[in-house]
Amino acid sequence: MNLILATDNQDKIREFDELTRDTDFILIGMRSAGFSGTIVEDGSTYEANALIKARAVHRQLGGWVIADDSGLSIDVLDGAPGIHSARFAGEAATYPDKIAQLHAWLKNFPCDRWHASFICAIAIIDPTGQEQTVRGECQGLISETARGDNGFGYDPIFYVPEYQKTMAELDPALKNQISHRARALSLASHVLPHHQHDATENA
């Protein structure tokens, strides 16, 4: 059964493909599925943005559609960059640019206070148009330096104390058990029919 992922982010498509590999679904990116047009993510919450993307794709293509909106929330920055994580440093900013900006903001706070959360909201729309959202979170700290070559985005500075590594240093199989996206997808899998989500069921 096809599951259309409402995103243009190739890193997300690859990660969702890994996370759904042991399910009955065949993951298809929205462009490969035939979606045309642009989507403006102007919601005020992660859930709202995920629904905006899922609804846009579902209106055009129907079927089972899934979308996520995720971000990095840093406690001493009052939750910033939050839902603006992808664009807070400008549309053209690279992730190294964004990380540098975050470190500039954090330098006035002791590094042991750099508590952070990765947050992921997933929206699912079924063929009848029924909607549901779920949320997964992963707690950690911001690292003073970027470390690791796995993952993408803010993974190199998101330190997971339990494993004494950043997300980008973790084995991908372990990351796919503990990440915010894995946890959200584990909850989402209970909404999807005929799931076999062994990889994240216990996350």
N, C-alpha and C. Protein backbone atom coordinates (compact mmCIF):
# COMPACT_ATOMS: atom_id res chain seq x y z
N MET A 1 0.85 -1.19 0.00
CA MET A 1 0.00 0.00 0.00
C MET A 1 0.89 1.25 0.00
N ASN A 2 0.55 2.21 -0.83
CA ASN A 2 1.38 3.41 -0.94
C ASN A 2 1.09 4.38 0.19
N LEU A 3 2.15 5.00 0.69
CA LEU A 3 2.06 6.06 1.70
C LEU A 3 2.83 7.25 1.15
N ILE A 4 2.11 8.34 0.88
CA ILE A 4 2.73 9.52 0.27
C ILE A 4 3.27 10.43 1.38
N LEU A 5 4.54 10.79 1.28
CA LEU A 5 5.17 11.67 2.25
C LEU A 5 5.21 13.09 1.69
N ALA A 6 4.57 14.00 2.41
CA ALA A 6 4.44 15.38 1.95
C ALA A 6 5.67 16.20 2.35
N THR A 7 6.72 16.09 1.56
CA THR A 7 7.92 16.88 1.79
C THR A 7 8.76 16.94 0.53
N ASP A 8 9.56 18.00 0.44
CA ASP A 8 10.58 18.10 -0.60
C ASP A 8 11.97 17.83 -0.03
N ASN A 9 12.03 17.59 1.28
CA ASN A 9 13.31 17.40 1.96
C ASN A 9 13.81 15.97 1.73
N GLN A 10 14.87 15.85 0.94
CA GLN A 10 15.38 14.52 0.59
C GLN A 10 15.93 13.77 1.79
N ASP A 11 16.48 14.50 2.77
CA ASP A 11 16.96 13.84 3.98
C ASP A 11 15.80 13.21 4.75
N LYS A 12 14.67 13.93 4.82
CA LYS A 12 13.50 13.38 5.50
C LYS A 12 12.96 12.17 4.75
N ILE A 13 12.93 12.26 3.44
CA ILE A 13 12.44 11.13 2.65
C ILE A 13 13.29 9.89 2.93
N ARG A 14 14.60 10.08 2.96
CA ARG A 14 15.50 8.95 3.22
C ARG A 14 15.28 8.40 4.63
N GLU A 15 15.12 9.29 5.62
CA GLU A 15 14.94 8.83 6.99
C GLU A 15 13.59 8.13 7.17
N PHE A 16 12.53 8.69 6.59
CA PHE A 16 11.23 8.03 6.67
C PHE A 16 11.26 6.69 5.96
N ASP A 17 11.99 6.61 4.86
CA ASP A 17 12.10 5.34 4.14
C ASP A 17 12.74 4.28 5.04
N GLU A 18 13.78 4.68 5.78
CA GLU A 18 14.42 3.75 6.71
C GLU A 18 13.46 3.34 7.83
N LEU A 19 12.70 4.31 8.33
CA LEU A 19 11.81 4.05 9.45
C LEU A 19 10.60 3.20 9.07
N THR A 20 10.21 3.23 7.80
CA THR A 20 9.03 2.46 7.37
C THR A 20 9.41 1.18 6.62
N ARG A 21 10.68 0.85 6.64
CA ARG A 21 11.16 -0.30 5.86
C ARG A 21 10.52 -1.61 6.31
N ASP A 22 10.19 -1.72 7.59
CA ASP A 22 9.61 -2.97 8.10
C ASP A 22 8.09 -2.90 8.21
N THR A 23 7.48 -2.01 7.46
CA THR A 23 6.03 -1.90 7.46
C THR A 23 5.47 -2.42 6.14
N ASP A 24 4.15 -2.43 6.05
CA ASP A 24 3.50 -2.86 4.82
C ASP A 24 3.39 -1.74 3.79
N PHE A 25 3.84 -0.55 4.16
CA PHE A 25 3.69 0.59 3.26
C PHE A 25 4.89 0.76 2.34
N ILE A 26 4.61 1.26 1.15
CA ILE A 26 5.65 1.68 0.21
C ILE A 26 5.67 3.20 0.26
N LEU A 27 6.74 3.76 0.78
CA LEU A 27 6.84 5.21 0.94
C LEU A 27 7.15 5.87 -0.40
N ILE A 28 6.40 6.92 -0.74
CA ILE A 28 6.61 7.65 -1.98
C ILE A 28 6.67 9.14 -1.65
N GLY A 29 7.71 9.81 -2.10
CA GLY A 29 7.78 11.25 -1.94
C GLY A 29 6.69 11.92 -2.75
N MET A 30 6.23 13.08 -2.31
CA MET A 30 5.07 13.70 -2.95
C MET A 30 5.33 14.05 -4.41
N ARG A 31 6.55 14.42 -4.77
CA ARG A 31 6.84 14.75 -6.17
C ARG A 31 6.80 13.50 -7.03
N SER A 32 7.35 12.40 -6.51
CA SER A 32 7.30 11.14 -7.24
C SER A 32 5.87 10.66 -7.40
N ALA A 33 5.02 11.01 -6.44
CA ALA A 33 3.61 10.61 -6.50
C ALA A 33 2.80 11.49 -7.44
N GLY A 34 3.38 12.61 -7.90
CA GLY A 34 2.70 13.46 -8.86
C GLY A 34 2.21 14.80 -8.32
N PHE A 35 2.60 15.14 -7.09
CA PHE A 35 2.16 16.43 -6.54
C PHE A 35 2.88 17.57 -7.24
N SER A 36 2.11 18.60 -7.58
CA SER A 36 2.70 19.81 -8.16
C SER A 36 2.26 21.01 -7.33
N GLY A 37 3.05 22.04 -7.38
CA GLY A 37 2.72 23.24 -6.62
C GLY A 37 3.64 23.42 -5.43
N THR A 38 3.42 24.50 -4.69
CA THR A 38 4.21 24.81 -3.51
C THR A 38 3.30 24.81 -2.29
N ILE A 39 3.90 24.62 -1.15
CA ILE A 39 3.16 24.60 0.12
C ILE A 39 3.75 25.65 1.03
N VAL A 40 2.92 26.52 1.54
CA VAL A 40 3.36 27.56 2.47
C VAL A 40 3.07 27.09 3.89
N GLU A 41 4.12 26.88 4.66
CA GLU A 41 3.97 26.42 6.05
C GLU A 41 3.86 27.63 6.96
N ASP A 42 2.64 28.08 7.21
CA ASP A 42 2.46 29.29 8.01
C ASP A 42 1.65 29.02 9.28
N GLY A 43 1.68 27.77 9.75
CA GLY A 43 0.99 27.43 10.98
C GLY A 43 1.74 27.94 12.20
N SER A 44 1.05 27.95 13.33
CA SER A 44 1.66 28.45 14.58
C SER A 44 2.14 27.32 15.48
N THR A 45 1.93 26.07 15.06
CA THR A 45 2.40 24.92 15.83
C THR A 45 2.97 23.88 14.86
N TYR A 46 3.73 22.92 15.42
CA TYR A 46 4.24 21.83 14.60
C TYR A 46 3.09 21.06 13.96
N GLU A 47 2.05 20.80 14.77
CA GLU A 47 0.90 20.04 14.26
C GLU A 47 0.21 20.77 13.11
N ALA A 48 0.07 22.10 13.25
CA ALA A 48 -0.59 22.88 12.21
C ALA A 48 0.19 22.81 10.91
N ASN A 49 1.50 22.94 10.99
CA ASN A 49 2.32 22.89 9.78
C ASN A 49 2.29 21.50 9.14
N ALA A 50 2.31 20.46 9.96
CA ALA A 50 2.23 19.11 9.40
C ALA A 50 0.90 18.90 8.67
N LEU A 51 -0.18 19.40 9.26
CA LEU A 51 -1.49 19.28 8.62
C LEU A 51 -1.58 20.09 7.34
N ILE A 52 -0.98 21.27 7.31
CA ILE A 52 -0.98 22.09 6.10
C ILE A 52 -0.37 21.30 4.93
N LYS A 53 0.76 20.66 5.20
CA LYS A 53 1.43 19.89 4.14
C LYS A 53 0.62 18.66 3.74
N ALA A 54 0.13 17.94 4.74
CA ALA A 54 -0.62 16.72 4.43
C ALA A 54 -1.91 17.03 3.67
N ARG A 55 -2.61 18.10 4.08
CA ARG A 55 -3.86 18.46 3.41
C ARG A 55 -3.63 18.87 1.96
N ALA A 56 -2.56 19.64 1.72
CA ALA A 56 -2.28 20.09 0.36
C ALA A 56 -2.06 18.90 -0.58
N VAL A 57 -1.31 17.93 -0.11
CA VAL A 57 -1.02 16.76 -0.93
C VAL A 57 -2.25 15.87 -1.06
N HIS A 58 -3.00 15.71 0.04
CA HIS A 58 -4.18 14.86 -0.01
C HIS A 58 -5.25 15.42 -0.94
N ARG A 59 -5.41 16.74 -0.94
CA ARG A 59 -6.39 17.35 -1.84
C ARG A 59 -6.10 17.03 -3.29
N GLN A 60 -4.83 16.98 -3.63
CA GLN A 60 -4.45 16.76 -5.03
C GLN A 60 -4.37 15.28 -5.39
N LEU A 61 -3.92 14.44 -4.44
CA LEU A 61 -3.61 13.06 -4.79
C LEU A 61 -4.48 12.02 -4.08
N GLY A 62 -5.08 12.38 -2.94
CA GLY A 62 -5.86 11.40 -2.19
C GLY A 62 -4.98 10.32 -1.59
N GLY A 63 -5.59 9.21 -1.21
CA GLY A 63 -4.86 8.09 -0.65
C GLY A 63 -4.42 8.33 0.79
N TRP A 64 -3.43 7.55 1.22
CA TRP A 64 -2.82 7.74 2.52
C TRP A 64 -1.69 8.75 2.40
N VAL A 65 -1.74 9.80 3.22
CA VAL A 65 -0.72 10.85 3.18
C VAL A 65 -0.19 11.06 4.59
N ILE A 66 1.11 11.25 4.69
CA ILE A 66 1.75 11.53 5.97
C ILE A 66 2.66 12.74 5.79
N ALA A 67 2.74 13.57 6.81
CA ALA A 67 3.64 14.73 6.78
C ALA A 67 4.16 14.98 8.18
N ASP A 68 5.34 15.53 8.26
CA ASP A 68 5.84 15.89 9.58
C ASP A 68 6.31 17.34 9.60
N ASP A 69 6.31 17.90 10.78
CA ASP A 69 6.97 19.18 11.00
C ASP A 69 7.79 19.02 12.27
N SER A 70 9.04 19.40 12.19
CA SER A 70 9.92 19.14 13.32
C SER A 70 10.82 20.33 13.56
N GLY A 71 11.41 20.35 14.74
CA GLY A 71 12.28 21.47 15.07
C GLY A 71 13.05 21.23 16.34
N LEU A 72 13.90 22.18 16.64
CA LEU A 72 14.76 22.15 17.82
C LEU A 72 14.31 23.23 18.78
N SER A 73 14.05 22.85 20.02
CA SER A 73 13.60 23.78 21.04
C SER A 73 14.65 23.84 22.15
N ILE A 74 15.18 25.03 22.42
CA ILE A 74 16.23 25.21 23.42
C ILE A 74 15.66 25.99 24.60
N ASP A 75 15.77 25.41 25.79
CA ASP A 75 15.10 25.96 26.96
C ASP A 75 15.50 27.40 27.26
N VAL A 76 16.81 27.69 27.31
CA VAL A 76 17.24 29.03 27.71
C VAL A 76 16.95 30.08 26.64
N LEU A 77 16.57 29.64 25.46
CA LEU A 77 16.17 30.56 24.39
C LEU A 77 14.65 30.62 24.28
N ASP A 78 13.98 30.25 25.38
CA ASP A 78 12.51 30.28 25.44
C ASP A 78 11.87 29.43 24.34
N GLY A 79 12.53 28.31 24.04
CA GLY A 79 11.99 27.39 23.05
C GLY A 79 12.42 27.65 21.62
N ALA A 80 13.16 28.70 21.38
CA ALA A 80 13.65 28.98 20.02
C ALA A 80 14.72 27.95 19.64
N PRO A 81 14.92 27.72 18.33
CA PRO A 81 14.19 28.31 17.20
C PRO A 81 12.81 27.68 16.95
N GLY A 82 12.51 26.54 17.57
CA GLY A 82 11.16 25.98 17.51
C GLY A 82 10.66 25.73 16.10
N ILE A 83 9.41 26.16 15.86
CA ILE A 83 8.82 25.89 14.54
C ILE A 83 9.52 26.65 13.43
N HIS A 84 10.41 27.59 13.80
CA HIS A 84 11.16 28.35 12.80
C HIS A 84 12.55 27.76 12.56
N SER A 85 12.79 26.53 13.04
CA SER A 85 14.12 25.94 12.98
C SER A 85 14.71 25.89 11.58
N ALA A 86 13.88 25.70 10.58
CA ALA A 86 14.40 25.56 9.21
C ALA A 86 14.80 26.89 8.60
N ARG A 87 14.20 28.00 9.05
CA ARG A 87 14.38 29.26 8.32
C ARG A 87 14.75 30.46 9.19
N PHE A 88 15.00 30.24 10.49
CA PHE A 88 15.18 31.39 11.38
C PHE A 88 16.41 32.22 11.03
N ALA A 89 17.40 31.62 10.39
CA ALA A 89 18.62 32.35 10.03
C ALA A 89 18.60 32.85 8.59
N GLY A 90 17.44 32.74 7.94
CA GLY A 90 17.32 33.17 6.55
C GLY A 90 17.11 31.99 5.62
N GLU A 91 16.40 32.24 4.54
CA GLU A 91 16.06 31.16 3.60
C GLU A 91 17.29 30.48 3.02
N ALA A 92 18.38 31.25 2.83
CA ALA A 92 19.57 30.70 2.18
C ALA A 92 20.57 30.12 3.16
N ALA A 93 20.29 30.20 4.47
CA ALA A 93 21.25 29.75 5.48
C ALA A 93 21.44 28.24 5.42
N THR A 94 22.69 27.82 5.51
CA THR A 94 22.99 26.39 5.60
C THR A 94 22.88 25.96 7.06
N TYR A 95 22.90 24.65 7.29
CA TYR A 95 22.85 24.21 8.69
C TYR A 95 24.07 24.66 9.48
N PRO A 96 25.29 24.67 8.91
CA PRO A 96 26.41 25.26 9.66
C PRO A 96 26.16 26.73 10.02
N ASP A 97 25.52 27.47 9.13
CA ASP A 97 25.16 28.86 9.44
C ASP A 97 24.20 28.91 10.62
N LYS A 98 23.19 28.05 10.60
CA LYS A 98 22.18 28.04 11.66
C LYS A 98 22.80 27.63 13.00
N ILE A 99 23.68 26.64 12.95
CA ILE A 99 24.35 26.19 14.17
C ILE A 99 25.21 27.30 14.74
N ALA A 100 25.92 28.01 13.87
CA ALA A 100 26.75 29.14 14.33
C ALA A 100 25.89 30.21 14.99
N GLN A 101 24.72 30.49 14.44
CA GLN A 101 23.83 31.48 15.02
C GLN A 101 23.33 31.01 16.40
N LEU A 102 22.98 29.75 16.51
CA LEU A 102 22.54 29.23 17.80
C LEU A 102 23.64 29.33 18.85
N HIS A 103 24.86 28.97 18.48
CA HIS A 103 25.98 29.07 19.42
C HIS A 103 26.23 30.53 19.82
N ALA A 104 26.02 31.44 18.90
CA ALA A 104 26.18 32.86 19.23
C ALA A 104 25.15 33.29 20.26
N TRP A 105 23.92 32.81 20.11
CA TRP A 105 22.87 33.13 21.07
C TRP A 105 23.12 32.48 22.43
N LEU A 106 23.72 31.30 22.42
CA LEU A 106 23.89 30.54 23.65
C LEU A 106 25.13 30.93 24.45
N LYS A 107 26.05 31.68 23.86
CA LYS A 107 27.34 31.91 24.51
C LYS A 107 27.22 32.66 25.84
N ASN A 108 26.10 33.35 26.05
CA ASN A 108 25.91 34.08 27.31
C ASN A 108 25.34 33.21 28.43
N PHE A 109 25.09 31.94 28.12
CA PHE A 109 24.54 31.03 29.12
C PHE A 109 25.55 29.90 29.38
N PRO A 110 25.67 29.43 30.61
CA PRO A 110 26.56 28.29 30.89
C PRO A 110 26.14 27.08 30.06
N CYS A 111 27.11 26.37 29.51
CA CYS A 111 26.77 25.27 28.59
C CYS A 111 26.00 24.15 29.29
N ASP A 112 26.11 24.04 30.64
CA ASP A 112 25.34 22.99 31.29
C ASP A 112 23.86 23.33 31.39
N ARG A 113 23.50 24.53 30.90
CA ARG A 113 22.09 24.92 30.85
C ARG A 113 21.53 24.84 29.43
N TRP A 114 22.30 24.31 28.52
CA TRP A 114 21.86 24.27 27.13
C TRP A 114 20.94 23.07 26.87
N HIS A 115 19.94 22.91 27.70
CA HIS A 115 18.99 21.81 27.53
C HIS A 115 18.12 22.06 26.29
N ALA A 116 17.83 20.98 25.58
CA ALA A 116 17.08 21.12 24.33
C ALA A 116 16.20 19.91 24.09
N SER A 117 15.24 20.09 23.21
CA SER A 117 14.36 19.01 22.78
C SER A 117 14.26 19.01 21.27
N PHE A 118 14.34 17.85 20.69
CA PHE A 118 13.94 17.66 19.31
C PHE A 118 12.45 17.30 19.33
N ILE A 119 11.65 17.97 18.54
CA ILE A 119 10.21 17.74 18.52
C ILE A 119 9.77 17.42 17.10
N CYS A 120 8.90 16.44 16.97
CA CYS A 120 8.36 16.07 15.66
C CYS A 120 6.86 15.81 15.78
N ALA A 121 6.08 16.53 15.01
CA ALA A 121 4.64 16.25 14.90
C ALA A 121 4.38 15.62 13.54
N ILE A 122 3.60 14.56 13.54
CA ILE A 122 3.24 13.88 12.30
C ILE A 122 1.73 13.97 12.12
N ALA A 123 1.34 14.31 10.91
CA ALA A 123 -0.08 14.32 10.53
C ALA A 123 -0.32 13.17 9.55
N ILE A 124 -1.41 12.46 9.77
CA ILE A 124 -1.81 11.37 8.88
C ILE A 124 -3.22 11.65 8.37
N ILE A 125 -3.40 11.51 7.07
CA ILE A 125 -4.73 11.62 6.49
C ILE A 125 -5.01 10.34 5.72
N ASP A 126 -6.16 9.72 6.02
CA ASP A 126 -6.49 8.46 5.35
C ASP A 126 -7.27 8.74 4.06
N PRO A 127 -7.55 7.72 3.27
CA PRO A 127 -8.23 7.94 1.99
C PRO A 127 -9.59 8.62 2.10
N THR A 128 -10.24 8.51 3.28
CA THR A 128 -11.55 9.15 3.44
C THR A 128 -11.43 10.61 3.90
N GLY A 129 -10.21 11.06 4.18
CA GLY A 129 -10.02 12.43 4.64
C GLY A 129 -9.93 12.59 6.15
N GLN A 130 -10.02 11.48 6.89
CA GLN A 130 -9.89 11.55 8.34
C GLN A 130 -8.45 11.93 8.71
N GLU A 131 -8.32 12.83 9.68
CA GLU A 131 -7.01 13.36 10.06
C GLU A 131 -6.66 12.99 11.49
N GLN A 132 -5.38 12.80 11.73
CA GLN A 132 -4.90 12.60 13.09
C GLN A 132 -3.47 13.11 13.18
N THR A 133 -3.11 13.64 14.35
CA THR A 133 -1.74 14.08 14.58
C THR A 133 -1.19 13.41 15.83
N VAL A 134 0.12 13.20 15.81
CA VAL A 134 0.83 12.65 16.97
C VAL A 134 2.12 13.44 17.13
N ARG A 135 2.72 13.36 18.31
CA ARG A 135 3.95 14.11 18.56
C ARG A 135 4.97 13.22 19.27
N GLY A 136 6.22 13.30 18.84
CA GLY A 136 7.32 12.62 19.50
C GLY A 136 8.39 13.62 19.90
N GLU A 137 9.05 13.35 21.02
CA GLU A 137 10.10 14.25 21.51
C GLU A 137 11.31 13.45 21.95
N CYS A 138 12.46 14.08 21.87
CA CYS A 138 13.71 13.50 22.34
C CYS A 138 14.45 14.59 23.11
N GLN A 139 14.87 14.28 24.34
CA GLN A 139 15.54 15.27 25.19
C GLN A 139 17.05 15.15 25.06
N GLY A 140 17.73 16.29 25.17
CA GLY A 140 19.19 16.27 25.12
C GLY A 140 19.78 17.61 25.50
N LEU A 141 20.99 17.84 25.07
CA LEU A 141 21.72 19.07 25.31
C LEU A 141 22.33 19.54 23.99
N ILE A 142 22.59 20.83 23.90
CA ILE A 142 23.31 21.35 22.74
C ILE A 142 24.80 21.22 22.99
N SER A 143 25.50 20.62 22.06
CA SER A 143 26.95 20.45 22.17
C SER A 143 27.66 21.74 21.78
N GLU A 144 28.80 22.00 22.43
CA GLU A 144 29.58 23.20 22.10
C GLU A 144 30.21 23.11 20.72
N THR A 145 30.40 21.90 20.23
CA THR A 145 30.97 21.71 18.89
C THR A 145 30.12 20.69 18.13
N ALA A 146 30.12 20.81 16.82
CA ALA A 146 29.41 19.85 15.97
C ALA A 146 30.27 18.60 15.84
N ARG A 147 29.63 17.44 16.04
CA ARG A 147 30.37 16.18 15.98
C ARG A 147 29.52 15.12 15.28
N GLY A 148 30.18 14.32 14.46
CA GLY A 148 29.51 13.19 13.82
C GLY A 148 29.13 13.44 12.39
N ASP A 149 29.05 12.36 11.62
CA ASP A 149 28.79 12.45 10.19
C ASP A 149 27.46 11.81 9.78
N ASN A 150 26.74 11.21 10.74
CA ASN A 150 25.45 10.61 10.40
C ASN A 150 24.35 11.65 10.57
N GLY A 151 23.18 11.31 10.08
CA GLY A 151 22.03 12.20 10.26
C GLY A 151 22.12 13.45 9.40
N PHE A 152 21.36 14.46 9.80
CA PHE A 152 21.33 15.72 9.06
C PHE A 152 20.82 16.82 9.97
N GLY A 153 20.78 18.03 9.45
CA GLY A 153 20.23 19.14 10.22
C GLY A 153 21.02 19.45 11.47
N TYR A 154 20.34 19.46 12.61
CA TYR A 154 20.98 19.79 13.89
C TYR A 154 21.53 18.57 14.60
N ASP A 155 21.52 17.41 13.98
CA ASP A 155 22.01 16.20 14.62
C ASP A 155 23.43 16.33 15.18
N PRO A 156 24.36 17.04 14.48
CA PRO A 156 25.73 17.11 15.01
C PRO A 156 25.88 17.89 16.31
N ILE A 157 24.89 18.70 16.70
CA ILE A 157 25.02 19.45 17.96
C ILE A 157 23.99 19.00 19.00
N PHE A 158 23.19 17.99 18.70
CA PHE A 158 22.21 17.51 19.65
C PHE A 158 22.80 16.33 20.40
N TYR A 159 23.24 16.60 21.63
CA TYR A 159 23.94 15.61 22.44
C TYR A 159 22.94 14.82 23.28
N VAL A 160 23.07 13.49 23.24
CA VAL A 160 22.18 12.61 23.98
C VAL A 160 22.96 12.06 25.17
N PRO A 161 22.74 12.59 26.38
CA PRO A 161 23.56 12.18 27.54
C PRO A 161 23.57 10.68 27.79
N GLU A 162 22.44 10.02 27.57
CA GLU A 162 22.36 8.58 27.84
C GLU A 162 23.40 7.79 27.07
N TYR A 163 23.74 8.27 25.87
CA TYR A 163 24.70 7.56 25.03
C TYR A 163 26.02 8.31 24.89
N GLN A 164 26.11 9.50 25.50
CA GLN A 164 27.33 10.32 25.47
C GLN A 164 27.81 10.56 24.03
N LYS A 165 26.83 10.78 23.16
CA LYS A 165 27.13 11.06 21.76
C LYS A 165 26.10 12.04 21.22
N THR A 166 26.47 12.73 20.15
CA THR A 166 25.47 13.51 19.45
C THR A 166 24.64 12.58 18.58
N MET A 167 23.51 13.07 18.12
CA MET A 167 22.68 12.27 17.21
C MET A 167 23.47 11.86 15.98
N ALA A 168 24.36 12.74 15.52
CA ALA A 168 25.13 12.45 14.31
C ALA A 168 26.24 11.43 14.55
N GLU A 169 26.54 11.15 15.83
CA GLU A 169 27.55 10.14 16.15
C GLU A 169 26.92 8.77 16.41
N LEU A 170 25.61 8.74 16.62
CA LEU A 170 24.95 7.48 16.91
C LEU A 170 24.89 6.58 15.68
N ASP A 171 24.91 5.29 15.92
CA ASP A 171 24.63 4.34 14.84
C ASP A 171 23.22 4.63 14.32
N PRO A 172 23.04 4.69 13.00
CA PRO A 172 21.72 5.01 12.45
C PRO A 172 20.59 4.12 12.98
N ALA A 173 20.88 2.85 13.22
CA ALA A 173 19.85 1.95 13.73
C ALA A 173 19.39 2.37 15.13
N LEU A 174 20.34 2.85 15.95
CA LEU A 174 19.98 3.32 17.29
C LEU A 174 19.22 4.64 17.20
N LYS A 175 19.69 5.52 16.35
CA LYS A 175 18.97 6.79 16.18
C LYS A 175 17.53 6.52 15.77
N ASN A 176 17.33 5.54 14.91
CA ASN A 176 15.98 5.24 14.43
C ASN A 176 15.10 4.56 15.48
N GLN A 177 15.65 4.37 16.68
CA GLN A 177 14.84 3.89 17.79
C GLN A 177 14.51 5.01 18.77
N ILE A 178 15.42 6.00 18.90
CA ILE A 178 15.25 6.99 19.97
C ILE A 178 14.92 8.39 19.48
N SER A 179 15.01 8.65 18.19
CA SER A 179 14.82 10.02 17.70
C SER A 179 13.38 10.48 17.85
N HIS A 180 13.20 11.79 17.82
CA HIS A 180 11.86 12.38 17.87
C HIS A 180 10.99 11.90 16.73
N ARG A 181 11.59 11.75 15.55
CA ARG A 181 10.82 11.31 14.39
C ARG A 181 10.44 9.84 14.52
N ALA A 182 11.36 9.03 15.05
CA ALA A 182 11.05 7.61 15.27
C ALA A 182 9.93 7.46 16.29
N ARG A 183 9.97 8.25 17.34
CA ARG A 183 8.94 8.15 18.38
C ARG A 183 7.58 8.61 17.85
N ALA A 184 7.58 9.68 17.06
CA ALA A 184 6.32 10.13 16.48
C ALA A 184 5.78 9.09 15.50
N LEU A 185 6.66 8.51 14.70
CA LEU A 185 6.20 7.52 13.72
C LEU A 185 5.72 6.25 14.41
N SER A 186 6.31 5.91 15.55
CA SER A 186 5.82 4.76 16.30
C SER A 186 4.38 4.97 16.73
N LEU A 187 4.05 6.20 17.17
CA LEU A 187 2.67 6.52 17.52
C LEU A 187 1.78 6.55 16.27
N ALA A 188 2.31 7.11 15.19
CA ALA A 188 1.54 7.18 13.95
C ALA A 188 1.24 5.79 13.40
N SER A 189 2.13 4.86 13.65
CA SER A 189 1.96 3.52 13.09
C SER A 189 0.69 2.83 13.61
N HIS A 190 0.21 3.27 14.77
CA HIS A 190 -1.01 2.69 15.32
C HIS A 190 -2.25 3.21 14.59
N VAL A 191 -2.08 4.30 13.85
CA VAL A 191 -3.18 4.84 13.06
C VAL A 191 -3.22 4.19 11.68
N LEU A 192 -2.05 3.82 11.19
CA LEU A 192 -1.95 3.22 9.87
C LEU A 192 -2.36 1.76 9.92
N PRO A 193 -3.00 1.25 8.88
CA PRO A 193 -3.46 -0.15 8.90
C PRO A 193 -2.34 -1.15 8.69
N HIS A 194 -2.50 -2.33 9.30
CA HIS A 194 -1.60 -3.47 9.06
C HIS A 194 -0.15 -3.12 9.32
N HIS A 195 0.10 -2.39 10.44
CA HIS A 195 1.49 -1.99 10.67
C HIS A 195 2.28 -3.12 11.29
N GLN A 196 3.58 -3.11 10.97
CA GLN A 196 4.54 -4.01 11.60
C GLN A 196 5.75 -3.15 11.96
N HIS A 197 5.65 -2.37 13.02
CA HIS A 197 6.67 -1.35 13.23
C HIS A 197 7.64 -1.74 14.32
N ASP A 198 8.29 -2.88 14.12
CA ASP A 198 9.19 -3.40 15.14
C ASP A 198 10.33 -2.45 15.46
N ALA A 199 10.82 -1.71 14.47
CA ALA A 199 12.00 -0.88 14.65
C ALA A 199 11.81 0.20 15.69
N THR A 200 10.58 0.74 15.80
CA THR A 200 10.37 1.86 16.70
C THR A 200 9.30 1.57 17.74
N GLU A 201 8.78 0.38 17.77
CA GLU A 201 7.65 0.09 18.65
C GLU A 201 7.98 0.33 20.11
N ASN A 202 9.26 0.08 20.48
CA ASN A 202 9.63 0.23 21.87
C ASN A 202 10.38 1.53 22.14
N ALA A 203 10.39 2.42 21.18
CA ALA A 203 11.13 3.66 21.35
C ALA A 203 10.42 4.58 22.34
